[in-house]
Amino acid sequence: MTMKQHFSISLEAAPDLLYFTAHSHHLWPDVTRAAHLAAWDLAAERKDEKWSVVFGEVIPACQEHIARTLSLSDPKAIAFAPNTHELAKRVLSCVDDRRPVRVLTTDGEFHSFRRQLARLELAGRVEVERVPLEPFASLAQRLEAAIARGGWDLVYFSQVFFNTGLVLENLAELVAAVRDDSTYVVIDGYHGFMARPTDLSGVESRAFYMAGGYKYAMSGEGACFLHCPPGYAERPVDTGWFASFGDLETTTGDAVPYSSDGFRMWGSTFDPTAFFRFRAAMDLWREQGIDVSAIHDHVRRLQARFLERIDGEGIEGLNRSSLVPGAELAARANFLTFQCADAERVHRALREAGVVTDVRGDKLRLGFGIYHDEEDVDELARRALGSG
C-alpha cells in the first residue's frame, strides 16, 4: 500500500529529507490544504454566519468519523477543544473540590498532564499514586490491581505510551476494575487513535477517551476530542459558554445550564480551521477504503523491514537490541523507540544524513506512516548505517 500521491505537497517541499516523525508531526495529506483555504473562504464570504456551517456540517461530520473509527454509538457524546490539556482539566474540575482529589495514574503520561498534576499536587489539591511503567510486562496487572483497590476520584492512563510506543491492550479489563461508580476514568488515546484499531463499544458508557488530529489523524493541531460517557462529569466547574450552547436563548439569572451530551465539555470560541482539515483527511481515507487496520498493518510491515535491514549491523543506539523492551513488535504502536545513553548524538547524526527523527532524553523515536513505502525504509536503513 502506498499513499504517497496524497502527500505530494509536503513531500515535494523537502524532497531530500526523510521524515520519520509520524508519531510527532505527521505529514498532512494534500486535501487538508484545500480544506484550510475553504475555512478562510467561508469566513470571508459568510463572516459570523460561518458558524452555522461549522456547527451544522463540519463538527457533525468530524463526530461521525470519530464515532465510526472507535465503534461509538453516539457521535453527539464527542466534545472538542484546541488541545487535550483543556479537556483533561475540564474533567478534573468536575470532582468535588472540598478535599484533595485522589488520582491514580502511571509515571509515563504525556508532559502536559504530568506537569499539571505535579503542580496541583504541590498546591495540595490532589493526592496522586503513580504506577511505574517498568517492568512493562507486568504493568497491566499492577495497574488493574491498583484500580481495583478503589477510592479514586480519577483514574487516568494512556492506551499507548508516548515515550516508548508500548501499548495497554486490556482497556476493557482496566475499566471494568474500577470499583466506585463515582470514579472518572480517562483513557489518553492520542497515540492510539488512527494508529491502532480501537473498539470502545464495551467501555463507552463508563470511560472518557481523549485524542486529537495532530498525530495519526494527519490533520494538524487544534482538533482534539473527548468521548463523554453519559451520566459522568455532567457539570464541570471549568466551563465555557459553548457548554450550554443549546440553551443560550433561555439562560436567565444565576442559572448555569449544561448540555446533556458532549457539549457539556466544550469551552468557548475557537479557530474552526483545524476541523475543516480533520474532516478532509478523514473523508479521504474513507473514500480510499483505508481503515485503521490497513494503516497499522502497513506500518508494522515497514517496521519489521527496517529492523531486518539493520539487524546485525545497526549502529550503536539504533539496532534491535536497543529497542525499548517490554513488548513484541505486534504490541507496539506506529513508532519504534530506541534507548541509549547517546540518543542525542544518534539523532544529530541522522539529521546530518537527511533523516528527521525525534529524541527525548535517552530515547530516539522513529514514526512510520502511510506516506512511507519499502524504498523509504531501505533508504532510511542505508543512511542510518552510513551515519554510524
Protein backbone atom coordinates (compact mmCIF):
# COMPACT_ATOMS: atom_id res chain seq x y z
CA MET A 1 0.00 0.00 0.00
CA THR A 2 1.39 3.37 -0.98
CA MET A 3 -0.40 6.63 -0.36
CA LYS A 4 2.43 8.97 -1.32
CA GLN A 5 0.36 10.56 -4.06
CA HIS A 6 -1.88 12.08 -1.40
CA PHE A 7 1.06 13.80 0.35
CA SER A 8 2.75 15.33 -2.69
CA ILE A 9 2.83 18.91 -1.37
CA SER A 10 4.64 18.03 1.85
CA LEU A 11 6.96 15.52 0.22
CA GLU A 12 7.93 17.79 -2.66
CA ALA A 13 8.60 20.68 -0.27
CA ALA A 14 11.67 18.83 1.09
CA PRO A 15 12.47 16.03 -1.38
CA ASP A 16 15.92 15.24 0.04
CA LEU A 17 14.73 14.66 3.59
CA LEU A 18 13.25 11.51 5.04
CA TYR A 19 10.64 12.40 7.65
CA PHE A 20 10.19 9.61 10.18
CA THR A 21 8.28 11.73 12.67
CA ALA A 22 4.75 10.42 12.13
CA HIS A 23 4.38 9.96 15.90
CA SER A 24 5.06 13.67 16.43
CA HIS A 25 4.23 15.84 13.44
CA HIS A 26 2.54 13.58 10.92
CA LEU A 27 2.60 14.89 7.37
CA TRP A 28 -0.74 16.28 6.23
CA PRO A 29 -2.40 14.96 3.06
CA ASP A 30 -2.87 17.40 0.21
CA VAL A 31 -6.63 17.62 0.75
CA THR A 32 -6.06 19.41 4.05
CA ARG A 33 -4.58 22.43 2.26
CA ALA A 34 -7.75 22.92 0.25
CA ALA A 35 -9.77 22.43 3.43
CA HIS A 36 -7.69 25.02 5.26
CA LEU A 37 -8.31 27.53 2.49
CA ALA A 38 -12.00 26.63 2.42
CA ALA A 39 -12.28 27.65 6.06
CA TRP A 40 -10.72 31.03 5.22
CA ASP A 41 -13.01 31.50 2.22
CA LEU A 42 -16.06 30.64 4.29
CA ALA A 43 -15.13 33.29 6.87
CA ALA A 44 -14.65 35.83 4.09
CA GLU A 45 -17.96 35.03 2.47
CA ARG A 46 -20.18 34.38 5.50
CA LYS A 47 -18.47 36.33 8.30
CA ASP A 48 -20.16 35.50 11.60
CA GLU A 49 -22.68 33.31 9.78
CA LYS A 50 -19.88 30.82 9.14
CA TRP A 51 -20.72 29.21 12.49
CA SER A 52 -23.92 27.73 11.08
CA VAL A 53 -21.74 25.75 8.66
CA VAL A 54 -19.18 24.88 11.33
CA PHE A 55 -21.74 23.51 13.76
CA GLY A 56 -24.26 22.36 11.18
CA GLU A 57 -21.90 20.48 8.84
CA VAL A 58 -18.24 20.34 9.83
CA ILE A 59 -18.45 19.40 13.52
CA PRO A 60 -21.11 16.70 12.99
CA ALA A 61 -19.02 15.18 10.18
CA CYS A 62 -15.98 15.07 12.48
CA GLN A 63 -18.05 13.47 15.24
CA GLU A 64 -19.36 10.84 12.81
CA HIS A 65 -15.83 9.96 11.67
CA ILE A 66 -14.60 9.58 15.24
CA ALA A 67 -17.59 7.52 16.34
CA ARG A 68 -17.21 5.17 13.37
CA THR A 69 -13.45 4.77 13.91
CA LEU A 70 -13.85 3.95 17.61
CA SER A 71 -17.14 1.97 17.37
CA LEU A 72 -19.01 4.52 19.48
CA SER A 73 -22.79 4.57 19.30
CA ASP A 74 -23.43 8.29 19.85
CA PRO A 75 -21.45 10.88 17.85
CA LYS A 76 -23.01 13.66 19.93
CA ALA A 77 -21.18 12.37 23.01
CA ILE A 78 -17.95 13.73 21.50
CA ALA A 79 -16.69 17.15 22.63
CA PHE A 80 -13.92 19.19 21.02
CA ALA A 81 -11.20 21.55 22.21
CA PRO A 82 -7.96 23.01 20.79
CA ASN A 83 -5.85 20.67 22.96
CA THR A 84 -6.23 17.70 25.28
CA HIS A 85 -4.87 19.65 28.24
CA GLU A 86 -8.03 21.75 28.23
CA LEU A 87 -10.20 18.65 28.15
CA ALA A 88 -8.31 16.89 30.96
CA LYS A 89 -8.60 19.96 33.18
CA ARG A 90 -12.31 20.13 32.49
CA VAL A 91 -12.89 16.54 33.59
CA LEU A 92 -10.76 17.09 36.67
CA SER A 93 -12.81 20.17 37.55
CA CYS A 94 -15.90 18.00 37.97
CA VAL A 95 -14.52 16.32 41.08
CA ASP A 96 -15.78 17.64 44.40
CA ASP A 97 -13.00 20.10 45.37
CA ARG A 98 -13.76 20.18 49.10
CA ARG A 99 -10.91 17.69 49.61
CA PRO A 100 -7.78 16.72 47.71
CA VAL A 101 -8.70 14.85 44.55
CA ARG A 102 -7.43 11.27 44.63
CA VAL A 103 -5.80 10.37 41.32
CA LEU A 104 -4.40 7.07 40.10
CA THR A 105 -2.19 7.25 37.02
CA THR A 106 1.14 5.98 35.69
CA ASP A 107 4.58 7.55 35.67
CA GLY A 108 4.61 7.54 31.86
CA GLU A 109 1.88 10.01 30.92
CA PHE A 110 2.35 12.88 28.47
CA HIS A 111 4.07 16.08 29.65
CA SER A 112 1.00 18.32 29.84
CA PHE A 113 -0.96 16.02 32.16
CA ARG A 114 2.14 15.05 34.16
CA ARG A 115 3.09 18.71 34.68
CA GLN A 116 -0.43 19.85 35.55
CA LEU A 117 -0.86 17.04 38.02
CA ALA A 118 2.51 17.74 39.65
CA ARG A 119 1.60 21.41 40.11
CA LEU A 120 -1.78 20.56 41.61
CA GLU A 121 -0.03 18.13 43.90
CA LEU A 122 2.32 20.86 45.12
CA ALA A 123 -0.71 23.06 45.77
CA GLY A 124 -2.29 20.35 47.90
CA ARG A 125 -5.26 19.96 45.57
CA VAL A 126 -4.58 16.38 44.51
CA GLU A 127 -3.15 13.23 46.02
CA VAL A 128 -1.53 11.10 43.35
CA GLU A 129 -0.43 7.48 43.11
CA ARG A 130 1.71 6.72 40.06
CA VAL A 131 2.07 3.12 38.94
CA PRO A 132 5.58 2.63 37.46
CA LEU A 133 5.69 1.63 33.80
CA GLU A 134 8.63 -0.65 34.40
CA PRO A 135 8.67 -3.55 34.21
CA PHE A 136 6.19 -3.11 31.37
CA ALA A 137 5.38 -6.82 31.10
CA SER A 138 3.52 -6.61 34.41
CA LEU A 139 2.12 -3.08 34.08
CA ALA A 140 -1.40 -4.13 33.10
CA GLN A 141 -1.69 -6.45 36.09
CA ARG A 142 -0.20 -3.93 38.52
CA LEU A 143 -2.38 -1.10 37.22
CA GLU A 144 -5.52 -3.24 37.36
CA ALA A 145 -4.76 -4.22 40.95
CA ALA A 146 -4.30 -0.57 41.95
CA ILE A 147 -7.55 0.39 40.22
CA ALA A 148 -9.43 -2.41 41.96
CA ARG A 149 -8.40 -1.15 45.41
CA GLY A 150 -10.87 1.67 44.85
CA GLY A 151 -11.16 5.04 46.49
CA TRP A 152 -10.11 7.01 43.42
CA ASP A 153 -11.76 10.16 42.09
CA LEU A 154 -9.91 9.91 38.79
CA VAL A 155 -8.16 7.03 37.04
CA TYR A 156 -6.07 8.24 34.09
CA PHE A 157 -3.86 6.12 31.83
CA SER A 158 -2.62 6.01 28.24
CA GLN A 159 -3.64 3.49 25.62
CA VAL A 160 -0.20 3.94 24.01
CA PHE A 161 2.65 5.47 26.00
CA PHE A 162 4.10 8.43 24.13
CA ASN A 163 7.71 7.91 25.13
CA THR A 164 8.02 4.22 24.31
CA GLY A 165 5.25 3.20 21.93
CA LEU A 166 4.25 0.36 24.24
CA VAL A 167 0.54 -0.47 24.36
CA LEU A 168 -2.03 -1.31 27.02
CA GLU A 169 -4.27 -3.76 25.19
CA ASN A 170 -6.64 -4.66 28.03
CA LEU A 171 -8.62 -1.42 28.15
CA ALA A 172 -11.92 -3.15 28.88
CA GLU A 173 -10.47 -5.09 31.82
CA LEU A 174 -8.90 -1.96 33.29
CA VAL A 175 -12.14 -0.01 33.04
CA ALA A 176 -14.12 -2.92 34.49
CA ALA A 177 -11.78 -2.98 37.50
CA VAL A 178 -12.98 0.46 38.62
CA ARG A 179 -14.91 -0.25 41.80
CA ASP A 180 -16.65 3.04 42.53
CA ASP A 181 -19.39 4.34 40.25
CA SER A 182 -18.37 7.92 41.04
CA THR A 183 -14.80 7.45 39.76
CA TYR A 184 -14.00 9.15 36.46
CA VAL A 185 -11.95 7.10 34.02
CA VAL A 186 -9.91 8.83 31.29
CA ILE A 187 -8.05 6.94 28.57
CA ASP A 188 -5.44 9.05 26.77
CA GLY A 189 -5.67 7.69 23.24
CA TYR A 190 -3.58 10.27 21.39
CA HIS A 191 -1.07 7.70 20.11
CA GLY A 192 -3.75 5.08 19.56
CA PHE A 193 -6.37 6.96 17.55
CA MET A 194 -5.94 6.23 13.82
CA ALA A 195 -2.81 4.22 14.65
CA ARG A 196 -4.18 1.05 16.22
CA PRO A 197 -7.62 -0.50 15.68
CA THR A 198 -9.66 0.54 18.72
CA ASP A 199 -13.14 -0.65 19.66
CA LEU A 200 -14.60 1.32 22.57
CA SER A 201 -18.10 -0.12 22.34
CA GLY A 202 -17.58 -2.11 25.52
CA VAL A 203 -16.44 0.86 27.63
CA GLU A 204 -18.21 3.82 26.05
CA SER A 205 -20.76 4.06 28.86
CA ARG A 206 -18.03 4.26 31.50
CA ALA A 207 -14.81 5.81 30.18
CA PHE A 208 -13.73 9.10 28.68
CA TYR A 209 -11.44 8.73 25.67
CA MET A 210 -9.22 11.60 24.58
CA ALA A 211 -7.20 12.12 21.40
CA GLY A 212 -6.74 14.55 18.51
CA GLY A 213 -5.75 15.27 14.95
CA TYR A 214 -2.10 16.25 15.32
CA LYS A 215 -0.64 12.74 15.21
CA TYR A 216 -2.07 9.87 13.21
CA ALA A 217 -5.27 11.60 12.13
CA MET A 218 -2.94 13.65 9.89
CA SER A 219 -4.74 16.96 10.18
CA GLY A 220 -2.55 19.09 12.43
CA GLU A 221 -3.02 20.99 15.63
CA GLY A 222 -6.23 22.33 17.12
CA ALA A 223 -8.70 19.46 16.69
CA CYS A 224 -8.73 17.46 19.91
CA PHE A 225 -11.70 15.50 21.19
CA LEU A 226 -13.16 13.78 24.23
CA HIS A 227 -15.72 10.99 24.22
CA CYS A 228 -18.00 11.73 27.19
CA PRO A 229 -19.89 8.80 28.72
CA PRO A 230 -23.45 9.74 29.71
CA GLY A 231 -24.01 10.50 33.36
CA TYR A 232 -20.40 11.30 34.25
CA ALA A 233 -18.82 14.71 34.86
CA GLU A 234 -22.04 16.49 33.94
CA ARG A 235 -21.24 19.89 35.45
CA PRO A 236 -17.56 20.87 35.02
CA VAL A 237 -16.50 23.87 37.09
CA ASP A 238 -14.07 24.77 34.31
CA THR A 239 -16.73 25.66 31.76
CA GLY A 240 -17.21 27.84 28.71
CA TRP A 241 -20.31 29.30 27.16
CA PHE A 242 -20.50 26.59 24.50
CA ALA A 243 -21.32 24.09 27.27
CA SER A 244 -24.89 25.38 27.22
CA PHE A 245 -24.93 26.09 23.50
CA GLY A 246 -28.44 24.78 23.07
CA ASP A 247 -29.78 26.89 25.94
CA LEU A 248 -28.47 30.37 25.10
CA GLU A 249 -31.94 31.73 24.48
CA THR A 250 -33.32 30.53 27.81
CA THR A 251 -30.50 31.15 30.29
CA THR A 252 -31.60 33.64 32.97
CA GLY A 253 -30.46 34.86 36.36
CA ASP A 254 -27.77 32.80 38.05
CA ALA A 255 -28.62 29.55 36.28
CA VAL A 256 -25.66 27.63 34.85
CA PRO A 257 -27.20 25.08 32.49
CA TYR A 258 -25.23 22.36 30.72
CA SER A 259 -25.97 20.30 27.66
CA SER A 260 -26.57 16.65 28.43
CA ASP A 261 -24.43 15.41 25.53
CA GLY A 262 -20.75 16.03 24.79
CA PHE A 263 -21.34 19.76 24.53
CA ARG A 264 -21.15 19.94 28.33
CA MET A 265 -17.35 19.63 27.97
CA TRP A 266 -16.92 22.37 25.39
CA GLY A 267 -15.12 25.61 26.15
CA SER A 268 -15.52 28.86 24.27
CA THR A 269 -14.84 30.44 20.89
CA PHE A 270 -12.16 28.60 18.92
CA ASP A 271 -10.49 28.58 15.50
CA PRO A 272 -12.54 26.07 13.46
CA THR A 273 -9.92 25.70 10.71
CA ALA A 274 -8.47 22.51 12.21
CA PHE A 275 -11.83 20.78 11.94
CA PHE A 276 -12.02 21.51 8.22
CA ARG A 277 -8.62 19.79 7.87
CA PHE A 278 -9.69 16.91 10.11
CA ARG A 279 -12.87 16.31 8.13
CA ALA A 280 -10.98 16.41 4.83
CA ALA A 281 -8.35 13.90 5.96
CA MET A 282 -10.93 11.50 7.38
CA ASP A 283 -13.11 11.87 4.29
CA LEU A 284 -10.12 10.95 2.13
CA TRP A 285 -9.31 7.69 3.90
CA ARG A 286 -12.94 6.67 3.90
CA GLU A 287 -13.19 7.36 0.16
CA GLN A 288 -9.99 5.38 -0.43
CA GLY A 289 -11.21 2.47 1.65
CA ILE A 290 -8.26 2.86 4.06
CA ASP A 291 -9.16 1.99 7.63
CA VAL A 292 -7.05 1.92 10.78
CA SER A 293 -6.30 -1.79 10.43
CA ALA A 294 -4.84 -1.24 6.96
CA ILE A 295 -2.73 1.67 8.22
CA HIS A 296 -1.43 -0.27 11.21
CA ASP A 297 -0.65 -3.38 9.15
CA HIS A 298 1.26 -1.26 6.63
CA VAL A 299 3.29 0.37 9.39
CA ARG A 300 4.08 -2.94 11.06
CA ARG A 301 5.43 -4.33 7.79
CA LEU A 302 7.66 -1.29 7.37
CA GLN A 303 8.88 -1.51 10.97
CA ALA A 304 9.76 -5.18 10.52
CA ARG A 305 11.56 -4.42 7.26
CA PHE A 306 13.64 -1.70 8.90
CA LEU A 307 14.66 -3.95 11.77
CA GLU A 308 15.66 -6.65 9.30
CA ARG A 309 17.79 -4.16 7.34
CA ILE A 310 19.76 -3.05 10.40
CA ASP A 311 19.88 -6.46 12.09
CA GLY A 312 23.45 -7.40 12.90
CA GLU A 313 24.93 -4.16 11.64
CA GLY A 314 22.91 -1.42 13.27
CA ILE A 315 24.86 1.45 14.75
CA GLU A 316 25.14 1.81 18.49
CA GLY A 317 21.83 3.07 19.83
CA LEU A 318 19.92 2.16 16.66
CA ASN A 319 19.65 -1.61 16.48
CA ARG A 320 17.25 -4.31 17.54
CA SER A 321 18.93 -4.78 20.90
CA SER A 322 18.43 -1.10 21.79
CA LEU A 323 14.67 -1.20 21.23
CA VAL A 324 12.76 -0.29 24.36
CA PRO A 325 11.97 -3.67 25.95
CA GLY A 326 8.63 -4.83 27.21
CA ALA A 327 6.55 -6.00 24.26
CA GLU A 328 6.76 -7.84 20.99
CA LEU A 329 6.53 -5.87 17.76
CA ALA A 330 2.82 -6.67 17.48
CA ALA A 331 2.16 -4.90 20.77
CA ARG A 332 3.89 -1.68 19.79
CA ALA A 333 2.31 1.41 18.31
CA ASN A 334 3.17 3.05 14.98
CA PHE A 335 6.60 4.17 16.10
CA LEU A 336 9.76 2.46 17.28
CA THR A 337 11.67 3.69 20.30
CA PHE A 338 15.40 3.04 20.68
CA GLN A 339 17.04 3.65 24.04
CA CYS A 340 20.67 4.56 24.53
CA ALA A 341 22.71 6.99 26.57
CA ASP A 342 23.90 8.66 23.37
CA ALA A 343 20.48 9.16 21.75
CA GLU A 344 21.06 12.86 21.12
CA ARG A 345 24.24 12.14 19.15
CA VAL A 346 22.45 9.49 17.07
CA HIS A 347 19.65 11.96 16.42
CA ARG A 348 22.12 14.60 15.20
CA ALA A 349 23.98 12.09 13.01
CA LEU A 350 20.74 11.02 11.36
CA ARG A 351 19.76 14.65 10.77
CA GLU A 352 23.08 15.28 9.06
CA ALA A 353 22.30 12.27 6.87
CA GLY A 354 18.94 13.81 5.92
CA VAL A 355 16.75 11.78 8.28
CA VAL A 356 14.41 13.70 10.58
CA THR A 357 13.62 11.85 13.82
CA ASP A 358 12.69 12.75 17.38
CA VAL A 359 14.69 12.46 20.58
CA ARG A 360 13.50 12.62 24.19
CA GLY A 361 16.32 12.23 26.70
CA ASP A 362 17.85 8.80 26.14
CA LYS A 363 15.12 7.70 23.71
CA LEU A 364 15.14 8.08 19.92
CA ARG A 365 11.79 7.66 18.19
CA LEU A 366 11.08 6.72 14.57
CA GLY A 367 7.49 7.19 13.42
CA PHE A 368 6.18 5.38 10.33
CA GLY A 369 3.19 6.45 8.24
CA ILE A 370 1.23 5.64 5.12
CA TYR A 371 3.32 8.07 3.09
CA HIS A 372 6.29 5.74 3.61
CA ASP A 373 7.00 2.74 1.40
CA GLU A 374 9.61 -0.02 1.20
CA GLU A 375 12.03 2.18 -0.72
CA ASP A 376 11.87 4.83 2.01
CA VAL A 377 12.63 2.23 4.66
CA ASP A 378 15.55 0.83 2.69
CA GLU A 379 16.93 4.35 2.24
CA LEU A 380 16.41 5.02 5.95
CA ALA A 381 18.45 1.94 6.79
CA ARG A 382 21.17 2.88 4.29
CA ARG A 383 21.50 6.40 5.70
CA ALA A 384 21.36 5.15 9.29
CA LEU A 385 24.12 2.63 8.73
CA GLY A 386 26.17 5.23 6.87
CA SER A 387 25.75 7.77 9.67
CA GLY A 388 27.27 5.45 12.24
